Amino acid sequence: YLQGDPLLGRFYLYLTLFMTAMLGIVTADNIFCLFLFWELT
């Protein structure tokens, strides 16, 4: 979809960071840990 976009690397940075934050939300047990990932999303 973004073939040829010069900022594709940046897009993958944002997308991977979001995916990681979502994994943190659904696996966090500590409420402070949850909030950290919640705001990161």
PDB file of all heavy atoms in Angstrom:
ATOM      1  N   TYR A   1       0.826  -1.209   0.000  1.00  0.00           N
ATOM      2  CA  TYR A   1       0.000   0.000   0.000  1.00  0.00           C
ATOM      3  C   TYR A   1       0.859   1.257   0.000  1.00  0.00           C
ATOM      4  O   TYR A   1       0.517   2.243  -0.654  1.00  0.00           O
ATOM      5  CB  TYR A   1      -0.915  -0.016   1.224  1.00  0.00           C
ATOM      6  CG  TYR A   1      -1.927   1.097   1.247  1.00  0.00           C
ATOM      7  CD1 TYR A   1      -3.149   0.964   0.591  1.00  0.00           C
ATOM      8  CD2 TYR A   1      -1.674   2.295   1.923  1.00  0.00           C
ATOM      9  CE1 TYR A   1      -4.079   1.990   0.602  1.00  0.00           C
ATOM     10  CE2 TYR A   1      -2.595   3.317   1.941  1.00  0.00           C
ATOM     11  CZ  TYR A   1      -3.797   3.160   1.284  1.00  0.00           C
ATOM     12  OH  TYR A   1      -4.719   4.184   1.297  1.00  0.00           O
ATOM     13  N   LEU A   2       1.979   1.241   0.732  1.00  0.00           N
ATOM     14  CA  LEU A   2       2.855   2.409   0.846  1.00  0.00           C
ATOM     15  C   LEU A   2       4.128   2.244   0.022  1.00  0.00           C
ATOM     16  O   LEU A   2       5.157   2.835   0.346  1.00  0.00           O
ATOM     17  CB  LEU A   2       3.210   2.659   2.316  1.00  0.00           C
ATOM     18  CG  LEU A   2       2.037   3.003   3.236  1.00  0.00           C
ATOM     19  CD1 LEU A   2       2.488   3.069   4.684  1.00  0.00           C
ATOM     20  CD2 LEU A   2       1.397   4.327   2.828  1.00  0.00           C
ATOM     21  N   GLN A   3       4.058   1.433  -1.015  1.00  0.00           N
ATOM     22  CA  GLN A   3       5.236   1.197  -1.844  1.00  0.00           C
ATOM     23  C   GLN A   3       5.759   2.521  -2.422  1.00  0.00           C
ATOM     24  O   GLN A   3       5.016   3.317  -2.984  1.00  0.00           O
ATOM     25  CB  GLN A   3       4.897   0.242  -2.980  1.00  0.00           C
ATOM     26  CG  GLN A   3       6.093  -0.126  -3.850  1.00  0.00           C
ATOM     27  CD  GLN A   3       5.717  -1.130  -4.934  1.00  0.00           C
ATOM     28  OE1 GLN A   3       4.575  -1.573  -5.003  1.00  0.00           O
ATOM     29  NE2 GLN A   3       6.661  -1.489  -5.770  1.00  0.00           N
ATOM     30  N   GLY A   4       7.060   2.738  -2.248  1.00  0.00           N
ATOM     31  CA  GLY A   4       7.676   3.957  -2.738  1.00  0.00           C
ATOM     32  C   GLY A   4       7.625   5.128  -1.786  1.00  0.00           C
ATOM     33  O   GLY A   4       8.226   6.176  -2.052  1.00  0.00           O
ATOM     34  N   ASP A   5       6.924   4.988  -0.666  1.00  0.00           N
ATOM     35  CA  ASP A   5       6.860   6.069   0.315  1.00  0.00           C
ATOM     36  C   ASP A   5       8.210   6.172   1.028  1.00  0.00           C
ATOM     37  O   ASP A   5       8.686   5.185   1.603  1.00  0.00           O
ATOM     38  CB  ASP A   5       5.749   5.806   1.340  1.00  0.00           C
ATOM     39  CG  ASP A   5       5.415   7.049   2.153  1.00  0.00           C
ATOM     40  OD1 ASP A   5       6.352   7.700   2.639  1.00  0.00           O
ATOM     41  OD2 ASP A   5       4.218   7.357   2.301  1.00  0.00           O
ATOM     42  N   PRO A   6       8.852   7.344   1.032  1.00  0.00           N
ATOM     43  CA  PRO A   6      10.171   7.463   1.677  1.00  0.00           C
ATOM     44  C   PRO A   6      10.124   7.323   3.191  1.00  0.00           C
ATOM     45  O   PRO A   6      11.166   7.143   3.829  1.00  0.00           O
ATOM     46  CB  PRO A   6      10.630   8.874   1.269  1.00  0.00           C
ATOM     47  CG  PRO A   6       9.371   9.614   0.963  1.00  0.00           C
ATOM     48  CD  PRO A   6       8.427   8.606   0.401  1.00  0.00           C
ATOM     49  N   LEU A   7       8.932   7.412   3.765  1.00  0.00           N
ATOM     50  CA  LEU A   7       8.789   7.316   5.222  1.00  0.00           C
ATOM     51  C   LEU A   7       8.265   5.948   5.651  1.00  0.00           C
ATOM     52  O   LEU A   7       7.707   5.809   6.742  1.00  0.00           O
ATOM     53  CB  LEU A   7       7.849   8.418   5.726  1.00  0.00           C
ATOM     54  CG  LEU A   7       8.293   9.859   5.459  1.00  0.00           C
ATOM     55  CD1 LEU A   7       7.268  10.842   5.997  1.00  0.00           C
ATOM     56  CD2 LEU A   7       9.652  10.119   6.066  1.00  0.00           C
ATOM     57  N   LEU A   8       8.444   4.938   4.817  1.00  0.00           N
ATOM     58  CA  LEU A   8       7.947   3.608   5.148  1.00  0.00           C
ATOM     59  C   LEU A   8       8.605   3.074   6.424  1.00  0.00           C
ATOM     60  O   LEU A   8       7.957   2.425   7.244  1.00  0.00           O
ATOM     61  CB  LEU A   8       8.197   2.644   3.981  1.00  0.00           C
ATOM     62  CG  LEU A   8       7.653   1.226   4.149  1.00  0.00           C
ATOM     63  CD1 LEU A   8       6.145   1.239   4.338  1.00  0.00           C
ATOM     64  CD2 LEU A   8       8.027   0.356   2.948  1.00  0.00           C
ATOM     65  N   GLY A   9       9.897   3.338   6.602  1.00  0.00           N
ATOM     66  CA  GLY A   9      10.581   2.896   7.812  1.00  0.00           C
ATOM     67  C   GLY A   9       9.978   3.505   9.058  1.00  0.00           C
ATOM     68  O   GLY A   9       9.808   2.844  10.087  1.00  0.00           O
ATOM     69  N   ARG A  10       9.646   4.793   8.966  1.00  0.00           N
ATOM     70  CA  ARG A  10       8.998   5.458  10.104  1.00  0.00           C
ATOM     71  C   ARG A  10       7.622   4.858  10.373  1.00  0.00           C
ATOM     72  O   ARG A  10       7.211   4.700  11.532  1.00  0.00           O
ATOM     73  CB  ARG A  10       8.874   6.956   9.824  1.00  0.00           C
ATOM     74  CG  ARG A  10       8.286   7.755  10.967  1.00  0.00           C
ATOM     75  CD  ARG A  10       8.042   9.197  10.574  1.00  0.00           C
ATOM     76  NE  ARG A  10       9.284   9.866  10.210  1.00  0.00           N
ATOM     77  CZ  ARG A  10       9.329  11.150   9.835  1.00  0.00           C
ATOM     78  NH1 ARG A  10       8.216  11.858   9.741  1.00  0.00           N
ATOM     79  NH2 ARG A  10      10.492  11.693   9.523  1.00  0.00           N
ATOM     80  N   PHE A  11       6.902   4.518   9.307  1.00  0.00           N
ATOM     81  CA  PHE A  11       5.583   3.912   9.474  1.00  0.00           C
ATOM     82  C   PHE A  11       5.692   2.596  10.241  1.00  0.00           C
ATOM     83  O   PHE A  11       4.889   2.328  11.154  1.00  0.00           O
ATOM     84  CB  PHE A  11       4.947   3.673   8.099  1.00  0.00           C
ATOM     85  CG  PHE A  11       3.599   3.010   8.164  1.00  0.00           C
ATOM     86  CD1 PHE A  11       2.457   3.759   8.392  1.00  0.00           C
ATOM     87  CD2 PHE A  11       3.472   1.633   8.007  1.00  0.00           C
ATOM     88  CE1 PHE A  11       1.217   3.155   8.460  1.00  0.00           C
ATOM     89  CE2 PHE A  11       2.237   1.023   8.068  1.00  0.00           C
ATOM     90  CZ  PHE A  11       1.107   1.780   8.296  1.00  0.00           C
ATOM     91  N   TYR A  12       6.665   1.765   9.896  1.00  0.00           N
ATOM     92  CA  TYR A  12       6.836   0.502  10.598  1.00  0.00           C
ATOM     93  C   TYR A  12       7.240   0.730  12.056  1.00  0.00           C
ATOM     94  O   TYR A  12       6.883  -0.058  12.936  1.00  0.00           O
ATOM     95  CB  TYR A  12       7.875  -0.366   9.891  1.00  0.00           C
ATOM     96  CG  TYR A  12       7.302  -1.122   8.713  1.00  0.00           C
ATOM     97  CD1 TYR A  12       7.794  -0.927   7.418  1.00  0.00           C
ATOM     98  CD2 TYR A  12       6.275  -2.026   8.894  1.00  0.00           C
ATOM     99  CE1 TYR A  12       7.265  -1.619   6.340  1.00  0.00           C
ATOM    100  CE2 TYR A  12       5.740  -2.721   7.812  1.00  0.00           C
ATOM    101  CZ  TYR A  12       6.233  -2.514   6.544  1.00  0.00           C
ATOM    102  OH  TYR A  12       5.704  -3.199   5.481  1.00  0.00           O
ATOM    103  N   LEU A  13       7.979   1.792  12.306  1.00  0.00           N
ATOM    104  CA  LEU A  13       8.310   2.136  13.697  1.00  0.00           C
ATOM    105  C   LEU A  13       7.028   2.378  14.487  1.00  0.00           C
ATOM    106  O   LEU A  13       6.831   1.802  15.568  1.00  0.00           O
ATOM    107  CB  LEU A  13       9.207   3.373  13.725  1.00  0.00           C
ATOM    108  CG  LEU A  13       9.800   3.809  15.076  1.00  0.00           C
ATOM    109  CD1 LEU A  13      11.031   4.681  14.837  1.00  0.00           C
ATOM    110  CD2 LEU A  13       8.827   4.598  15.938  1.00  0.00           C
ATOM    111  N   TYR A  14       6.167   3.255  13.967  1.00  0.00           N
ATOM    112  CA  TYR A  14       4.923   3.585  14.666  1.00  0.00           C
ATOM    113  C   TYR A  14       4.034   2.352  14.814  1.00  0.00           C
ATOM    114  O   TYR A  14       3.452   2.112  15.884  1.00  0.00           O
ATOM    115  CB  TYR A  14       4.155   4.671  13.908  1.00  0.00           C
ATOM    116  CG  TYR A  14       4.884   5.974  13.735  1.00  0.00           C
ATOM    117  CD1 TYR A  14       4.545   6.851  12.699  1.00  0.00           C
ATOM    118  CD2 TYR A  14       5.919   6.352  14.585  1.00  0.00           C
ATOM    119  CE1 TYR A  14       5.201   8.062  12.529  1.00  0.00           C
ATOM    120  CE2 TYR A  14       6.585   7.562  14.419  1.00  0.00           C
ATOM    121  CZ  TYR A  14       6.220   8.403  13.384  1.00  0.00           C
ATOM    122  OH  TYR A  14       6.871   9.599  13.209  1.00  0.00           O
ATOM    123  N   LEU A  15       3.906   1.576  13.731  1.00  0.00           N
ATOM    124  CA  LEU A  15       3.004   0.432  13.742  1.00  0.00           C
ATOM    125  C   LEU A  15       3.476  -0.637  14.728  1.00  0.00           C
ATOM    126  O   LEU A  15       2.671  -1.205  15.483  1.00  0.00           O
ATOM    127  CB  LEU A  15       2.894  -0.158  12.334  1.00  0.00           C
ATOM    128  CG  LEU A  15       1.763  -1.166  12.111  1.00  0.00           C
ATOM    129  CD1 LEU A  15       0.419  -0.483  12.236  1.00  0.00           C
ATOM    130  CD2 LEU A  15       1.882  -1.828  10.738  1.00  0.00           C
ATOM    131  N   THR A  16       4.766  -0.925  14.742  1.00  0.00           N
ATOM    132  CA  THR A  16       5.307  -1.922  15.661  1.00  0.00           C
ATOM    133  C   THR A  16       5.202  -1.452  17.102  1.00  0.00           C
ATOM    134  O   THR A  16       4.907  -2.250  18.006  1.00  0.00           O
ATOM    135  CB  THR A  16       6.772  -2.229  15.314  1.00  0.00           C
ATOM    136  OG1 THR A  16       6.865  -2.566  13.926  1.00  0.00           O
ATOM    137  CG2 THR A  16       7.308  -3.374  16.142  1.00  0.00           C
ATOM    138  N   LEU A  17       5.425  -0.165  17.318  1.00  0.00           N
ATOM    139  CA  LEU A  17       5.290   0.382  18.667  1.00  0.00           C
ATOM    140  C   LEU A  17       3.850   0.264  19.147  1.00  0.00           C
ATOM    141  O   LEU A  17       3.595  -0.084  20.312  1.00  0.00           O
ATOM    142  CB  LEU A  17       5.731   1.847  18.673  1.00  0.00           C
ATOM    143  CG  LEU A  17       5.991   2.475  20.042  1.00  0.00           C
ATOM    144  CD1 LEU A  17       7.133   1.781  20.755  1.00  0.00           C
ATOM    145  CD2 LEU A  17       6.285   3.962  19.890  1.00  0.00           C
ATOM    146  N   PHE A  18       2.910   0.518  18.252  1.00  0.00           N
ATOM    147  CA  PHE A  18       1.499   0.372  18.626  1.00  0.00           C
ATOM    148  C   PHE A  18       1.162  -1.084  18.933  1.00  0.00           C
ATOM    149  O   PHE A  18       0.469  -1.376  19.907  1.00  0.00           O
ATOM    150  CB  PHE A  18       0.599   0.883  17.500  1.00  0.00           C
ATOM    151  CG  PHE A  18      -0.853   0.595  17.731  1.00  0.00           C
ATOM    152  CD1 PHE A  18      -1.605   1.415  18.551  1.00  0.00           C
ATOM    153  CD2 PHE A  18      -1.461  -0.517  17.159  1.00  0.00           C
ATOM    154  CE1 PHE A  18      -2.943   1.139  18.796  1.00  0.00           C
ATOM    155  CE2 PHE A  18      -2.785  -0.798  17.395  1.00  0.00           C
ATOM    156  CZ  PHE A  18      -3.530   0.032  18.216  1.00  0.00           C
ATOM    157  N   MET A  19       1.613  -2.000  18.107  1.00  0.00           N
ATOM    158  CA  MET A  19       1.346  -3.420  18.342  1.00  0.00           C
ATOM    159  C   MET A  19       1.897  -3.855  19.700  1.00  0.00           C
ATOM    160  O   MET A  19       1.236  -4.580  20.452  1.00  0.00           O
ATOM    161  CB  MET A  19       1.969  -4.263  17.230  1.00  0.00           C
ATOM    162  CG  MET A  19       1.695  -5.758  17.371  1.00  0.00           C
ATOM    163  SD  MET A  19       2.615  -6.759  16.181  1.00  0.00           S
ATOM    164  CE  MET A  19       4.267  -6.618  16.853  1.00  0.00           C
ATOM    165  N   THR A  20       3.092  -3.391  20.023  1.00  0.00           N
ATOM    166  CA  THR A  20       3.704  -3.731  21.303  1.00  0.00           C
ATOM    167  C   THR A  20       2.887  -3.172  22.456  1.00  0.00           C
ATOM    168  O   THR A  20       2.686  -3.847  23.479  1.00  0.00           O
ATOM    169  CB  THR A  20       5.140  -3.184  21.355  1.00  0.00           C
ATOM    170  OG1 THR A  20       5.876  -3.689  20.232  1.00  0.00           O
ATOM    171  CG2 THR A  20       5.830  -3.589  22.637  1.00  0.00           C
ATOM    172  N   ALA A  21       2.420  -1.939  22.308  1.00  0.00           N
ATOM    173  CA  ALA A  21       1.603  -1.330  23.363  1.00  0.00           C
ATOM    174  C   ALA A  21       0.302  -2.102  23.562  1.00  0.00           C
ATOM    175  O   ALA A  21      -0.145  -2.301  24.703  1.00  0.00           O
ATOM    176  CB  ALA A  21       1.313   0.124  23.016  1.00  0.00           C
ATOM    177  N   MET A  22      -0.320  -2.553  22.475  1.00  0.00           N
ATOM    178  CA  MET A  22      -1.552  -3.336  22.602  1.00  0.00           C
ATOM    179  C   MET A  22      -1.297  -4.661  23.302  1.00  0.00           C
ATOM    180  O   MET A  22      -2.104  -5.111  24.127  1.00  0.00           O
ATOM    181  CB  MET A  22      -2.159  -3.578  21.219  1.00  0.00           C
ATOM    182  CG  MET A  22      -2.998  -2.436  20.679  1.00  0.00           C
ATOM    183  SD  MET A  22      -4.398  -1.955  21.717  1.00  0.00           S
ATOM    184  CE  MET A  22      -5.250  -3.505  21.928  1.00  0.00           C
ATOM    185  N   LEU A  23      -0.191  -5.302  22.988  1.00  0.00           N
ATOM    186  CA  LEU A  23       0.163  -6.536  23.690  1.00  0.00           C
ATOM    187  C   LEU A  23       0.345  -6.264  25.180  1.00  0.00           C
ATOM    188  O   LEU A  23      -0.050  -7.085  26.029  1.00  0.00           O
ATOM    189  CB  LEU A  23       1.445  -7.130  23.101  1.00  0.00           C
ATOM    190  CG  LEU A  23       1.345  -7.751  21.712  1.00  0.00           C
ATOM    191  CD1 LEU A  23       2.725  -8.179  21.219  1.00  0.00           C
ATOM    192  CD2 LEU A  23       0.403  -8.949  21.724  1.00  0.00           C
ATOM    193  N   GLY A  24       0.941  -5.110  25.495  1.00  0.00           N
ATOM    194  CA  GLY A  24       1.108  -4.755  26.901  1.00  0.00           C
ATOM    195  C   GLY A  24      -0.220  -4.551  27.603  1.00  0.00           C
ATOM    196  O   GLY A  24      -0.394  -4.972  28.762  1.00  0.00           O
ATOM    197  N   ILE A  25      -1.187  -3.918  26.941  1.00  0.00           N
ATOM    198  CA  ILE A  25      -2.496  -3.678  27.559  1.00  0.00           C
ATOM    199  C   ILE A  25      -3.185  -4.986  27.919  1.00  0.00           C
ATOM    200  O   ILE A  25      -3.670  -5.174  29.042  1.00  0.00           O
ATOM    201  CB  ILE A  25      -3.389  -2.850  26.612  1.00  0.00           C
ATOM    202  CG1 ILE A  25      -2.935  -1.398  26.588  1.00  0.00           C
ATOM    203  CG2 ILE A  25      -4.856  -2.926  27.041  1.00  0.00           C
ATOM    204  CD1 ILE A  25      -3.732  -0.517  25.651  1.00  0.00           C
ATOM    205  N   VAL A  26      -3.239  -5.913  26.980  1.00  0.00           N
ATOM    206  CA  VAL A  26      -4.041  -7.119  27.189  1.00  0.00           C
ATOM    207  C   VAL A  26      -3.336  -8.162  28.043  1.00  0.00           C
ATOM    208  O   VAL A  26      -3.953  -9.155  28.433  1.00  0.00           O
ATOM    209  CB  VAL A  26      -4.466  -7.732  25.840  1.00  0.00           C
ATOM    210  CG1 VAL A  26      -5.293  -6.735  25.042  1.00  0.00           C
ATOM    211  CG2 VAL A  26      -3.263  -8.188  25.032  1.00  0.00           C
ATOM    212  N   THR A  27      -2.044  -7.964  28.324  1.00  0.00           N
ATOM    213  CA  THR A  27      -1.336  -8.913  29.191  1.00  0.00           C
ATOM    214  C   THR A  27      -0.931  -8.298  30.525  1.00  0.00           C
ATOM    215  O   THR A  27      -0.460  -9.016  31.407  1.00  0.00           O
ATOM    216  CB  THR A  27      -0.070  -9.457  28.505  1.00  0.00           C
ATOM    217  OG1 THR A  27       0.793  -8.359  28.139  1.00  0.00           O
ATOM    218  CG2 THR A  27      -0.424 -10.250  27.256  1.00  0.00           C
ATOM    219  N   ALA A  28      -1.105  -6.979  30.703  1.00  0.00           N
ATOM    220  CA  ALA A  28      -0.683  -6.325  31.944  1.00  0.00           C
ATOM    221  C   ALA A  28      -1.579  -6.765  33.095  1.00  0.00           C
ATOM    222  O   ALA A  28      -2.808  -6.830  32.966  1.00  0.00           O
ATOM    223  CB  ALA A  28      -0.722  -4.810  31.780  1.00  0.00           C
ATOM    224  N   ASP A  29      -0.960  -7.031  34.233  1.00  0.00           N
ATOM    225  CA  ASP A  29      -1.701  -7.343  35.456  1.00  0.00           C
ATOM    226  C   ASP A  29      -1.648  -6.176  36.427  1.00  0.00           C
ATOM    227  O   ASP A  29      -2.597  -5.925  37.161  1.00  0.00           O
ATOM    228  CB  ASP A  29      -1.121  -8.602  36.112  1.00  0.00           C
ATOM    229  CG  ASP A  29      -2.038  -9.177  37.179  1.00  0.00           C
ATOM    230  OD1 ASP A  29      -3.261  -8.954  37.085  1.00  0.00           O
ATOM    231  OD2 ASP A  29      -1.547  -9.841  38.102  1.00  0.00           O
ATOM    232  N   ASN A  30      -0.562  -5.449  36.441  1.00  0.00           N
ATOM    233  CA  ASN A  30      -0.407  -4.287  37.309  1.00  0.00           C
ATOM    234  C   ASN A  30      -1.091  -3.077  36.685  1.00  0.00           C
ATOM    235  O   ASN A  30      -0.950  -2.823  35.487  1.00  0.00           O
ATOM    236  CB  ASN A  30       1.086  -4.002  37.525  1.00  0.00           C
ATOM    237  CG  ASN A  30       1.332  -2.924  38.545  1.00  0.00           C
ATOM    238  OD1 ASN A  30       1.149  -1.752  38.265  1.00  0.00           O
ATOM    239  ND2 ASN A  30       1.747  -3.323  39.735  1.00  0.00           N
ATOM    240  N   ILE A  31      -1.843  -2.299  37.478  1.00  0.00           N
ATOM    241  CA  ILE A  31      -2.616  -1.184  36.923  1.00  0.00           C
ATOM    242  C   ILE A  31      -1.706  -0.069  36.420  1.00  0.00           C
ATOM    243  O   ILE A  31      -2.047   0.628  35.461  1.00  0.00           O
ATOM    244  CB  ILE A  31      -3.620  -0.636  37.947  1.00  0.00           C
ATOM    245  CG1 ILE A  31      -2.904  -0.125  39.203  1.00  0.00           C
ATOM    246  CG2 ILE A  31      -4.648  -1.690  38.313  1.00  0.00           C
ATOM    247  CD1 ILE A  31      -3.829   0.591  40.163  1.00  0.00           C
ATOM    248  N   PHE A  32      -0.544   0.118  37.039  1.00  0.00           N
ATOM    249  CA  PHE A  32       0.385   1.135  36.562  1.00  0.00           C
ATOM    250  C   PHE A  32       0.986   0.722  35.221  1.00  0.00           C
ATOM    251  O   PHE A  32       1.186   1.547  34.330  1.00  0.00           O
ATOM    252  CB  PHE A  32       1.499   1.363  37.588  1.00  0.00           C
ATOM    253  CG  PHE A  32       0.993   1.809  38.933  1.00  0.00           C
ATOM    254  CD1 PHE A  32       0.921   0.926  39.994  1.00  0.00           C
ATOM    255  CD2 PHE A  32       0.577   3.111  39.130  1.00  0.00           C
ATOM    256  CE1 PHE A  32       0.454   1.330  41.227  1.00  0.00           C
ATOM    257  CE2 PHE A  32       0.104   3.532  40.360  1.00  0.00           C
ATOM    258  CZ  PHE A  32       0.042   2.635  41.422  1.00  0.00           C
ATOM    259  N   CYS A  33       1.269  -0.556  35.113  1.00  0.00           N
ATOM    260  CA  CYS A  33       1.783  -1.097  33.859  1.00  0.00           C
ATOM    261  C   CYS A  33       0.731  -0.952  32.755  1.00  0.00           C
ATOM    262  O   CYS A  33       1.037  -0.569  31.626  1.00  0.00           O
ATOM    263  CB  CYS A  33       2.171  -2.561  34.070  1.00  0.00           C
ATOM    264  SG  CYS A  33       3.045  -3.318  32.695  1.00  0.00           S
ATOM    265  N   LEU A  34      -0.529  -1.232  33.097  1.00  0.00           N
ATOM    266  CA  LEU A  34      -1.618  -1.080  32.126  1.00  0.00           C
ATOM    267  C   LEU A  34      -1.709   0.362  31.637  1.00  0.00           C
ATOM    268  O   LEU A  34      -1.832   0.617  30.432  1.00  0.00           O
ATOM    269  CB  LEU A  34      -2.940  -1.501  32.761  1.00  0.00           C
ATOM    270  CG  LEU A  34      -4.182  -1.189  31.918  1.00  0.00           C
ATOM    271  CD1 LEU A  34      -4.366  -2.244  30.845  1.00  0.00           C
ATOM    272  CD2 LEU A  34      -5.425  -1.069  32.762  1.00  0.00           C
ATOM    273  N   PHE A  35      -1.652   1.306  32.570  1.00  0.00           N
ATOM    274  CA  PHE A  35      -1.772   2.716  32.197  1.00  0.00           C
ATOM    275  C   PHE A  35      -0.627   3.139  31.272  1.00  0.00           C
ATOM    276  O   PHE A  35      -0.834   3.906  30.324  1.00  0.00           O
ATOM    277  CB  PHE A  35      -1.785   3.588  33.450  1.00  0.00           C
ATOM    278  CG  PHE A  35      -1.776   5.058  33.156  1.00  0.00           C
ATOM    279  CD1 PHE A  35      -2.891   5.690  32.627  1.00  0.00           C
ATOM    280  CD2 PHE A  35      -0.648   5.819  33.399  1.00  0.00           C
ATOM    281  CE1 PHE A  35      -2.881   7.046  32.340  1.00  0.00           C
ATOM    282  CE2 PHE A  35      -0.626   7.171  33.124  1.00  0.00           C
ATOM    283  CZ  PHE A  35      -1.748   7.788  32.595  1.00  0.00           C
ATOM    284  N   LEU A  36       0.571   2.650  31.545  1.00  0.00           N
ATOM    285  CA  LEU A  36       1.718   2.968  30.696  1.00  0.00           C
ATOM    286  C   LEU A  36       1.454   2.549  29.256  1.00  0.00           C
ATOM    287  O   LEU A  36       1.630   3.345  28.321  1.00  0.00           O
ATOM    288  CB  LEU A  36       2.962   2.264  31.239  1.00  0.00           C
ATOM    289  CG  LEU A  36       4.222   2.352  30.378  1.00  0.00           C
ATOM    290  CD1 LEU A  36       4.738   3.779  30.335  1.00  0.00           C
ATOM    291  CD2 LEU A  36       5.299   1.416  30.910  1.00  0.00           C
ATOM    292  N   PHE A  37       0.990   1.317  29.057  1.00  0.00           N
ATOM    293  CA  PHE A  37       0.724   0.836  27.700  1.00  0.00           C
ATOM    294  C   PHE A  37      -0.528   1.484  27.106  1.00  0.00           C
ATOM    295  O   PHE A  37      -0.604   1.706  25.892  1.00  0.00           O
ATOM    296  CB  PHE A  37       0.580  -0.687  27.708  1.00  0.00           C
ATOM    297  CG  PHE A  37       1.862  -1.410  28.009  1.00  0.00           C
ATOM    298  CD1 PHE A  37       1.989  -2.198  29.148  1.00  0.00           C
ATOM    299  CD2 PHE A  37       2.959  -1.292  27.181  1.00  0.00           C
ATOM    300  CE1 PHE A  37       3.167  -2.861  29.434  1.00  0.00           C
ATOM    301  CE2 PHE A  37       4.142  -1.946  27.458  1.00  0.00           C
ATOM    302  CZ  PHE A  37       4.249  -2.732  28.584  1.00  0.00           C
ATOM    303  N   TRP A  38      -1.507   1.781  27.953  1.00  0.00           N
ATOM    304  CA  TRP A  38      -2.747   2.420  27.501  1.00  0.00           C
ATOM    305  C   TRP A  38      -2.436   3.769  26.846  1.00  0.00           C
ATOM    306  O   TRP A  38      -2.922   4.081  25.758  1.00  0.00           O
ATOM    307  CB  TRP A  38      -3.688   2.599  28.685  1.00  0.00           C
ATOM    308  CG  TRP A  38      -5.072   3.067  28.353  1.00  0.00           C
ATOM    309  CD1 TRP A  38      -5.477   4.343  28.140  1.00  0.00           C
ATOM    310  CD2 TRP A  38      -6.247   2.248  28.195  1.00  0.00           C
ATOM    311  NE1 TRP A  38      -6.830   4.390  27.872  1.00  0.00           N
ATOM    312  CE2 TRP A  38      -7.317   3.120  27.905  1.00  0.00           C
ATOM    313  CE3 TRP A  38      -6.486   0.886  28.294  1.00  0.00           C
ATOM    314  CZ2 TRP A  38      -8.615   2.662  27.706  1.00  0.00           C
ATOM    315  CZ3 TRP A  38      -7.791   0.430  28.090  1.00  0.00           C
ATOM    316  CH2 TRP A  38      -8.831   1.301  27.797  1.00  0.00           C
ATOM    317  N   GLU A  39      -1.631   4.572  27.517  1.00  0.00           N
ATOM    318  CA  GLU A  39      -1.282   5.876  26.964  1.00  0.00           C
ATOM    319  C   GLU A  39      -0.329   5.753  25.778  1.00  0.00           C
ATOM    320  O   GLU A  39      -0.339   6.596  24.881  1.00  0.00           O
ATOM    321  CB  GLU A  39      -0.663   6.752  28.050  1.00  0.00           C
ATOM    322  CG  GLU A  39      -1.641   7.165  29.138  1.00  0.00           C
ATOM    323  CD  GLU A  39      -2.810   7.979  28.603  1.00  0.00           C
ATOM    324  OE1 GLU A  39      -3.814   7.379  28.158  1.00  0.00           O
ATOM    325  OE2 GLU A  39      -2.721   9.218  28.614  1.00  0.00           O
ATOM    326  N   LEU A  40       0.485   4.707  25.774  1.00  0.00           N
ATOM    327  CA  LEU A  40       1.383   4.490  24.636  1.00  0.00           C
ATOM    328  C   LEU A  40       0.585   4.201  23.366  1.00  0.00           C
ATOM    329  O   LEU A  40       0.975   4.618  22.269  1.00  0.00           O
ATOM    330  CB  LEU A  40       2.351   3.346  24.933  1.00  0.00           C
ATOM    331  CG  LEU A  40       3.415   3.073  23.859  1.00  0.00           C
ATOM    332  CD1 LEU A  40       4.250   4.315  23.584  1.00  0.00           C
ATOM    333  CD2 LEU A  40       4.316   1.915  24.292  1.00  0.00           C
ATOM    334  N   THR A  41      -0.552   3.512  23.499  1.00  0.00           N
ATOM    335  CA  THR A  41      -1.401   3.295  22.316  1.00  0.00           C
ATOM    336  C   THR A  41      -1.969   4.615  21.815  1.00  0.00           C
ATOM    337  O   THR A  41      -2.088   4.828  20.599  1.00  0.00           O
ATOM    338  CB  THR A  41      -2.557   2.328  22.624  1.00  0.00           C
ATOM    339  OG1 THR A  41      -3.365   2.861  23.688  1.00  0.00           O
ATOM    340  CG2 THR A  41      -2.055   0.959  23.005  1.00  0.00           C
TER     341      THR A  41
END
